[in-house]
Protein backbone atom coordinates (compact mmCIF):
# COMPACT_ATOMS: atom_id res chain seq x y z
CA UNK A 1 -14.73 125.65 26.09
CA UNK A 2 -14.49 125.08 29.55
CA UNK A 3 -12.10 126.13 31.39
CA UNK A 4 -12.09 129.38 32.62
CA UNK A 5 -16.06 129.04 33.46
CA UNK A 6 -14.59 125.96 35.84
CA UNK A 7 -11.63 127.83 37.47
CA UNK A 8 -14.20 130.85 38.36
CA UNK A 9 -16.38 128.41 40.16
CA UNK A 10 -13.92 127.76 41.84
CA UNK A 11 -12.56 130.31 42.42
CA UNK A 12 -16.17 131.20 43.83
CA UNK A 13 -15.78 128.22 46.30
CA UNK A 14 -18.75 126.52 44.03
CA UNK A 15 -16.44 122.96 44.49
CA UNK A 16 -16.82 119.05 42.99
CA UNK A 17 -16.55 116.35 45.00
CA UNK A 18 -14.40 114.92 42.10
CA UNK A 19 -12.96 116.68 39.33
CA UNK A 20 -10.70 115.54 35.90
CA UNK A 21 -8.60 117.57 34.19
CA UNK A 22 -8.55 116.30 30.66
CA UNK A 23 -6.00 117.12 28.04
CA UNK A 24 -2.66 117.71 27.02
CA UNK A 25 -2.14 121.12 27.76
CA UNK A 26 0.44 121.30 30.51
CA UNK A 27 0.42 124.59 32.35
CA UNK A 28 -3.85 124.92 32.18
CA UNK A 29 -3.65 121.38 34.14
CA UNK A 30 -0.61 123.68 35.69
CA UNK A 31 -3.03 126.21 36.25
CA UNK A 32 -6.55 124.11 37.00
CA UNK A 33 -3.84 122.21 39.61
CA UNK A 34 -2.75 125.70 41.74
CA UNK A 35 -6.14 126.90 41.59
CA UNK A 36 -8.00 124.13 43.58
CA UNK A 37 -4.23 123.59 45.86
CA UNK A 38 -5.16 127.44 47.65
CA UNK A 39 -9.27 127.29 46.60
CA UNK A 40 -9.74 124.75 49.12
CA UNK A 41 -6.58 124.16 51.52
CA UNK A 42 -4.41 126.49 53.62
CA UNK A 43 -0.82 126.49 53.39
CA UNK A 44 -0.87 124.84 57.07
CA UNK A 45 -4.11 122.12 56.36
CA UNK A 46 -1.29 120.75 52.87
CA UNK A 47 0.41 119.24 55.24
CA UNK A 48 -1.55 117.33 56.57
CA UNK A 49 -5.06 117.12 54.36
CA UNK A 50 -3.01 116.54 50.82
CA UNK A 51 -1.24 114.20 49.14
CA UNK A 52 -0.04 113.79 45.52
CA UNK A 53 -0.44 109.65 43.41
CA UNK A 54 1.47 109.05 39.66
CA UNK A 55 -0.51 105.88 38.24
CA UNK A 56 3.28 105.18 36.57
CA UNK A 57 4.46 104.70 40.44
CA UNK A 58 1.82 103.73 42.63
CA UNK A 59 -1.70 101.36 42.15
CA UNK A 60 -5.68 103.41 42.55
CA UNK A 61 -5.53 101.83 45.98
CA UNK A 62 -2.82 103.75 48.16
CA UNK A 63 -5.08 107.39 46.46
CA UNK A 64 -8.25 106.05 47.57
CA UNK A 65 -7.05 105.59 51.15
CA UNK A 66 -5.91 108.66 51.34
CA UNK A 67 -9.30 110.18 49.55
CA UNK A 68 -11.37 108.18 52.35
CA UNK A 69 -9.63 109.39 55.29
CA UNK A 70 -10.98 111.72 57.40
CA UNK A 71 -9.02 115.18 56.41
CA UNK A 72 -6.44 116.36 59.69
CA UNK A 73 -6.62 119.79 61.30
CA UNK A 74 -9.32 120.50 58.82
CA UNK A 75 -12.80 120.77 56.62
CA UNK A 76 -11.57 118.45 53.94
CA UNK A 77 -9.42 116.57 52.08
CA UNK A 78 -7.86 117.30 48.34
CA UNK A 79 -6.06 113.69 46.84
CA UNK A 80 -4.98 114.31 43.10
CA UNK A 81 -3.60 111.38 40.53
CA UNK A 82 -1.66 112.13 38.32
CA UNK A 83 -1.32 110.08 34.19
CA UNK A 84 -4.08 107.72 34.91
CA UNK A 85 -3.32 105.52 32.60
CA UNK A 86 -6.18 103.17 32.96
CA UNK A 87 -8.98 105.72 31.99
CA UNK A 88 -7.11 105.41 27.98
CA UNK A 89 -7.28 102.83 25.17
CA UNK A 90 -3.19 102.56 25.17
CA UNK A 91 -1.87 99.44 27.01
CA UNK A 92 0.12 99.84 30.76
CA UNK A 93 3.20 97.64 30.51
CA UNK A 94 3.71 98.87 34.37
CA UNK A 95 3.81 95.91 36.36
CA UNK A 96 1.18 97.62 39.16
CA UNK A 97 -3.06 95.95 39.61
CA UNK A 98 -5.00 98.78 39.40
CA UNK A 99 -8.08 98.12 41.70
CA UNK A 100 -10.81 99.00 39.78
CA UNK A 101 -13.53 97.66 41.33
CA UNK A 102 -12.92 100.14 44.98
CA UNK A 103 -12.40 103.36 42.45
CA UNK A 104 -16.05 101.99 40.96
CA UNK A 105 -17.48 101.83 45.04
CA UNK A 106 -15.58 105.02 45.95
CA UNK A 107 -17.24 107.00 42.71
CA UNK A 108 -20.81 105.87 43.42
CA UNK A 109 -20.19 107.32 46.89
CA UNK A 110 -17.27 109.84 47.19
CA UNK A 111 -16.61 111.51 50.29
CA UNK A 112 -17.91 114.74 50.89
CA UNK A 113 -14.88 115.76 52.99
CA UNK A 114 -12.52 115.14 49.88
CA UNK A 115 -12.03 116.16 46.98
CA UNK A 116 -10.85 113.55 43.67
CA UNK A 117 -8.82 115.35 40.86
CA UNK A 118 -8.03 113.22 38.56
CA UNK A 119 -5.48 114.65 35.98
CA UNK A 120 -5.30 112.92 32.45
CA UNK A 121 -2.22 114.61 30.31
CA UNK A 122 -4.30 112.72 27.32
CA UNK A 123 -6.31 114.16 23.72
CA UNK A 124 -9.21 111.53 25.28
CA UNK A 125 -10.14 109.02 27.71
CA UNK A 126 -11.55 105.78 26.27
CA UNK A 127 -15.43 105.71 26.28
CA UNK A 128 -15.89 102.08 26.22
CA UNK A 129 -14.12 101.20 29.20
CA UNK A 130 -17.10 101.74 32.67
CA UNK A 131 -15.02 103.37 34.70
CA UNK A 132 -14.28 106.01 32.63
CA UNK A 133 -18.28 105.66 31.81
CA UNK A 134 -18.80 106.25 35.51
CA UNK A 135 -16.68 108.71 35.77
CA UNK A 136 -17.46 110.75 33.48
CA UNK A 137 -20.89 110.56 35.31
CA UNK A 138 -19.83 111.23 38.66
CA UNK A 139 -16.78 114.36 37.64
CA UNK A 140 -16.74 117.49 36.78
CA UNK A 141 -14.91 117.66 33.46
CA UNK A 142 -12.41 121.11 32.66
CA UNK A 143 -10.63 121.05 29.62
CA UNK A 144 -7.00 121.47 28.72
CA UNK A 145 -6.80 121.25 25.90
CA UNK A 146 -4.24 122.73 23.24
CA UNK A 147 -5.49 126.26 22.33
CA UNK A 148 -5.83 127.53 19.02
CA UNK A 149 -3.69 129.73 17.40
CA UNK A 150 -6.54 132.65 18.40
CA UNK A 151 -7.43 131.64 21.43
CA UNK A 152 -3.54 131.28 22.68
CA UNK A 153 -2.61 134.79 20.75
CA UNK A 154 -4.82 136.35 23.21
CA UNK A 155 -4.58 134.18 26.03
CA UNK A 156 -0.56 135.71 25.53
CA UNK A 157 -1.83 139.44 25.11
CA UNK A 158 -3.84 139.13 28.33
CA UNK A 159 -1.67 137.95 29.71
CA UNK A 160 1.33 140.67 29.09
CA UNK A 161 -1.22 144.02 29.29
CA UNK A 162 -2.31 142.18 33.19
CA UNK A 163 1.34 142.23 34.67
CA UNK A 164 1.62 146.15 32.90
CA UNK A 165 3.56 145.09 30.10
CA UNK A 166 3.33 146.76 26.59
CA UNK A 167 5.34 145.54 22.97
CA UNK A 168 5.46 145.92 19.86
CA UNK A 169 4.19 144.32 17.22
CA UNK A 170 7.42 142.18 15.36
CA UNK A 171 8.26 141.02 18.77
CA UNK A 172 5.51 139.59 19.81
CA UNK A 173 4.47 138.04 15.42
CA UNK A 174 8.29 136.73 16.70
CA UNK A 175 7.56 135.80 20.48
CA UNK A 176 4.49 133.69 19.22
CA UNK A 177 7.11 132.03 15.88
CA UNK A 178 9.63 131.10 19.07
CA UNK A 179 7.14 129.32 20.98
CA UNK A 180 5.67 127.52 17.93
CA UNK A 181 2.15 129.54 19.50
CA UNK A 182 2.11 127.01 22.15
CA UNK A 183 1.42 127.46 25.45
CA UNK A 184 3.38 125.55 27.98
CA UNK A 185 6.33 127.08 25.84
CA UNK A 186 5.04 130.88 25.86
CA UNK A 187 3.93 131.03 29.10
CA UNK A 188 7.64 128.88 30.05
CA UNK A 189 9.30 132.15 28.51
CA UNK A 190 7.32 134.68 29.58
CA UNK A 191 9.02 135.72 32.66
CA UNK A 192 11.90 136.21 31.62
CA UNK A 193 10.74 139.26 29.27
CA UNK A 194 8.82 140.55 31.95
CA UNK A 195 12.10 141.71 33.93
CA UNK A 196 14.51 142.32 31.28
CA UNK A 197 11.86 144.83 30.54
CA UNK A 198 10.91 145.18 33.97
CA UNK A 199 12.25 149.66 34.05
CA UNK A 200 10.22 150.69 30.69
CA UNK A 201 8.31 147.47 30.51
CA UNK A 202 7.68 147.68 27.22
CA UNK A 203 8.91 143.86 24.77
CA UNK A 204 11.38 144.83 22.21
CA UNK A 205 11.79 141.93 18.93
CA UNK A 206 15.42 141.83 19.33
CA UNK A 207 14.83 141.10 23.58
CA UNK A 208 12.92 138.66 22.14
CA UNK A 209 15.77 137.42 19.76
CA UNK A 210 18.42 137.36 22.58
CA UNK A 211 15.77 135.78 25.10
CA UNK A 212 14.07 133.77 24.11
CA UNK A 213 15.59 130.27 23.40
CA UNK A 214 15.30 128.67 20.50
CA UNK A 215 14.78 125.41 19.82
CA UNK A 216 17.39 122.84 17.32
CA UNK A 217 13.83 121.66 15.31
CA UNK A 218 13.33 126.00 14.95
CA UNK A 219 17.75 126.06 14.56
CA UNK A 220 16.60 124.09 10.97
CA UNK A 221 13.11 126.30 10.16
CA UNK A 222 15.75 129.24 10.24
CA UNK A 223 18.13 126.26 7.81
CA UNK A 224 15.84 125.39 5.71
CA UNK A 225 14.90 129.04 5.16
CA UNK A 226 19.11 129.59 4.05
CA UNK A 227 19.18 126.45 1.80
CA UNK A 228 15.83 128.05 -0.23
CA UNK A 229 17.20 131.10 -0.33
CA UNK A 230 20.37 129.89 -1.75
CA UNK A 231 22.53 131.84 1.16
CA UNK A 232 25.27 129.16 1.89
CA UNK A 233 26.72 131.73 3.93
CA UNK A 234 24.15 132.58 6.63
CA UNK A 235 22.76 128.51 5.71
CA UNK A 236 27.22 127.23 6.08
CA UNK A 237 27.09 129.77 9.52
CA UNK A 238 24.05 128.70 11.27
CA UNK A 239 25.28 124.48 10.35
CA UNK A 240 28.69 125.43 12.33
CA UNK A 241 26.28 127.07 15.11
CA UNK A 242 24.64 123.95 15.41
CA UNK A 243 27.79 122.04 15.26
CA UNK A 244 28.84 123.72 18.48
CA UNK A 245 25.86 123.05 20.46
CA UNK A 246 27.16 119.38 19.84
CA UNK A 247 24.67 118.31 17.57
CA UNK A 248 24.93 115.39 15.58
CA UNK A 249 24.56 115.97 11.87
CA UNK A 250 22.76 112.79 11.13
CA UNK A 251 19.94 113.93 13.43
CA UNK A 252 20.38 116.73 11.78
CA UNK A 253 19.76 115.56 8.48
CA UNK A 254 16.99 114.41 9.38
CA UNK A 255 15.04 116.89 10.65
CA UNK A 256 15.71 119.08 7.71
CA UNK A 257 14.59 115.57 5.56
CA UNK A 258 10.88 115.83 7.91
CA UNK A 259 10.51 119.46 7.54
CA UNK A 260 11.18 119.51 3.43
CA UNK A 261 9.08 116.46 3.63
CA UNK A 262 6.13 118.91 4.99
CA UNK A 263 6.05 122.34 2.54
CA UNK A 264 5.99 119.09 0.08
CA UNK A 265 2.93 117.59 1.45
CA UNK A 266 1.63 121.73 2.93
CA UNK A 267 1.99 122.04 -0.66
CA UNK A 268 0.42 119.56 -2.91
CA UNK A 269 -2.76 119.54 -0.29
CA UNK A 270 -3.61 123.61 -0.88
CA UNK A 271 -2.90 122.50 -4.81
CA UNK A 272 -5.27 120.72 -4.33
CA UNK A 273 -8.02 122.92 -2.30
CA UNK A 274 -7.53 122.13 0.88
CA UNK A 275 -7.48 123.90 3.60
CA UNK A 276 -4.77 124.89 6.65
CA UNK A 277 -6.90 123.87 9.06
CA UNK A 278 -7.43 120.12 6.93
CA UNK A 279 -3.88 120.01 5.77
CA UNK A 280 -3.23 119.76 9.74
CA UNK A 281 -5.69 117.01 10.19
CA UNK A 282 -4.67 114.88 7.28
CA UNK A 283 -0.78 115.33 7.77
CA UNK A 284 -1.81 115.29 11.60
CA UNK A 285 0.71 118.58 13.12
CA UNK A 286 0.41 120.91 14.25
CA UNK A 287 -1.91 123.58 12.99
CA UNK A 288 0.67 126.38 13.75
CA UNK A 289 3.14 124.29 11.84
CA UNK A 290 0.49 124.30 8.41
CA UNK A 291 0.58 128.07 8.73
CA UNK A 292 4.36 128.82 8.17
CA UNK A 293 4.25 126.06 5.67
CA UNK A 294 2.18 128.20 4.00
CA UNK A 295 3.91 130.74 4.67
CA UNK A 296 7.70 129.32 3.40
CA UNK A 297 6.27 126.95 0.74
CA UNK A 298 4.25 130.27 -1.10
CA UNK A 299 7.86 131.68 -2.44
CA UNK A 300 9.37 127.81 -3.96
CA UNK A 301 9.12 126.43 -6.79
CA UNK A 302 7.29 122.38 -6.18
CA UNK A 303 10.77 121.17 -8.36
CA UNK A 304 12.48 122.82 -6.14
CA UNK A 305 11.56 121.30 -2.79
CA UNK A 306 11.26 118.09 -3.96
CA UNK A 307 15.06 118.67 -5.84
CA UNK A 308 16.03 119.80 -2.21
CA UNK A 309 14.22 117.03 -0.44
CA UNK A 310 15.84 114.41 -2.91
CA UNK A 311 19.72 115.88 -2.17
CA UNK A 312 19.37 115.59 1.66
CA UNK A 313 18.47 111.76 1.03
CA UNK A 314 21.09 111.04 -0.62
CA UNK A 315 23.32 112.91 1.94
CA UNK A 316 21.74 110.89 4.88
CA UNK A 317 22.05 107.73 2.46
CA UNK A 318 26.30 109.25 2.31
CA UNK A 319 25.82 109.61 6.26
CA UNK A 320 24.26 106.97 7.46
CA UNK A 321 26.68 104.36 5.36
CA UNK A 322 30.12 106.42 6.72
CA UNK A 323 30.89 107.87 3.38
CA UNK A 324 33.66 110.94 3.52
CA UNK A 325 33.50 113.39 6.39
CA UNK A 326 29.23 113.89 7.95
CA UNK A 327 30.58 116.88 9.24
CA UNK A 328 30.97 118.37 5.03
CA UNK A 329 27.92 116.07 3.57
CA UNK A 330 25.02 118.58 4.73
CA UNK A 331 28.13 121.59 3.75
CA UNK A 332 28.49 119.37 0.10
CA UNK A 333 24.53 119.52 -0.52
CA UNK A 334 24.21 122.98 -0.10
CA UNK A 335 26.39 124.21 -1.81
CA UNK A 336 24.96 121.49 -5.07
CA UNK A 337 22.14 122.49 -4.22
CA UNK A 338 22.87 126.28 -4.60
CA UNK A 339 25.70 126.22 -7.48
CA UNK A 340 22.34 123.62 -9.88
CA UNK A 341 20.08 126.19 -8.90
CA UNK A 342 22.11 128.96 -10.41
CA UNK A 343 22.92 127.02 -13.38
CA UNK A 344 19.49 126.80 -13.92
CA UNK A 345 18.38 129.92 -13.56
CA UNK A 346 20.84 130.79 -16.41
CA UNK A 347 19.88 128.54 -18.52
CA UNK A 348 23.87 127.06 -18.26
CA UNK A 349 23.83 123.22 -19.23
CA UNK A 350 24.10 121.03 -16.01
């Protein structure tokens, strides 16, 4: 990954005329954006010599007009081009017509006094397109791809330590879990922990538990844990909390079903000898989700997972066909699943 080296070059004054910031990691893209503006323009110049244009709202011609303009009371103009969808293979629904011939002409002879930056929040560009080929020949590409878990952990650890904070191992592991090992989410949550621990400079597990926001998916992950453990009380309490947060029973059931489907898929693929990374590619999901699924499903027999999955499918059918009270369907599923598995353990015929 070339992100660090290119950012260092910019800070040291080695500036290209055209950049492509390519990838889906929004936090790293924001770092690149700030580094470019801070390194190239003073606060006064920012008002006169900076422009940002969203290609889903205006045409590339508007951005190029700015790029070809002479800087006002400064040495350089900086022009950002956001969401250049025309560089991808995606179908464009917009009615805007982008003058790519003009862009080709500009890239062949870019303005020496302008730094033009394309922020492409995509996994890849369409290499078959003439404009993409020309851009990649002309531009310096800064990769901002999603970090693998190991890289993400190091980045977060370094950030915490550079800010002068320490943390317990349990706090760090919980933080990674609650942020789904996603850098953008983690970096958005860290300021709350820094503020909370500003006196002690020590981040505890309790602080993480209290301050880091849990997504609906994470709450439902915990809900599935309670179901599989047949902890009826905890499962129903968490379900009631979600209902109080105005979550829809059908949505809750749908996410639970998808998570159980993931557990079953991971179980089957692991039995076939697939490793964590290969499983993630096979079922097209984040590797950290696969890691958590492996940890969760190893405690549970495949038959129990399939039984829970079938129970959720039945509950979904009742929810969508209006059979009984919507909020009661999950409670019925939990009670039936816990009772059935308890009877099986004791050898009682059902």
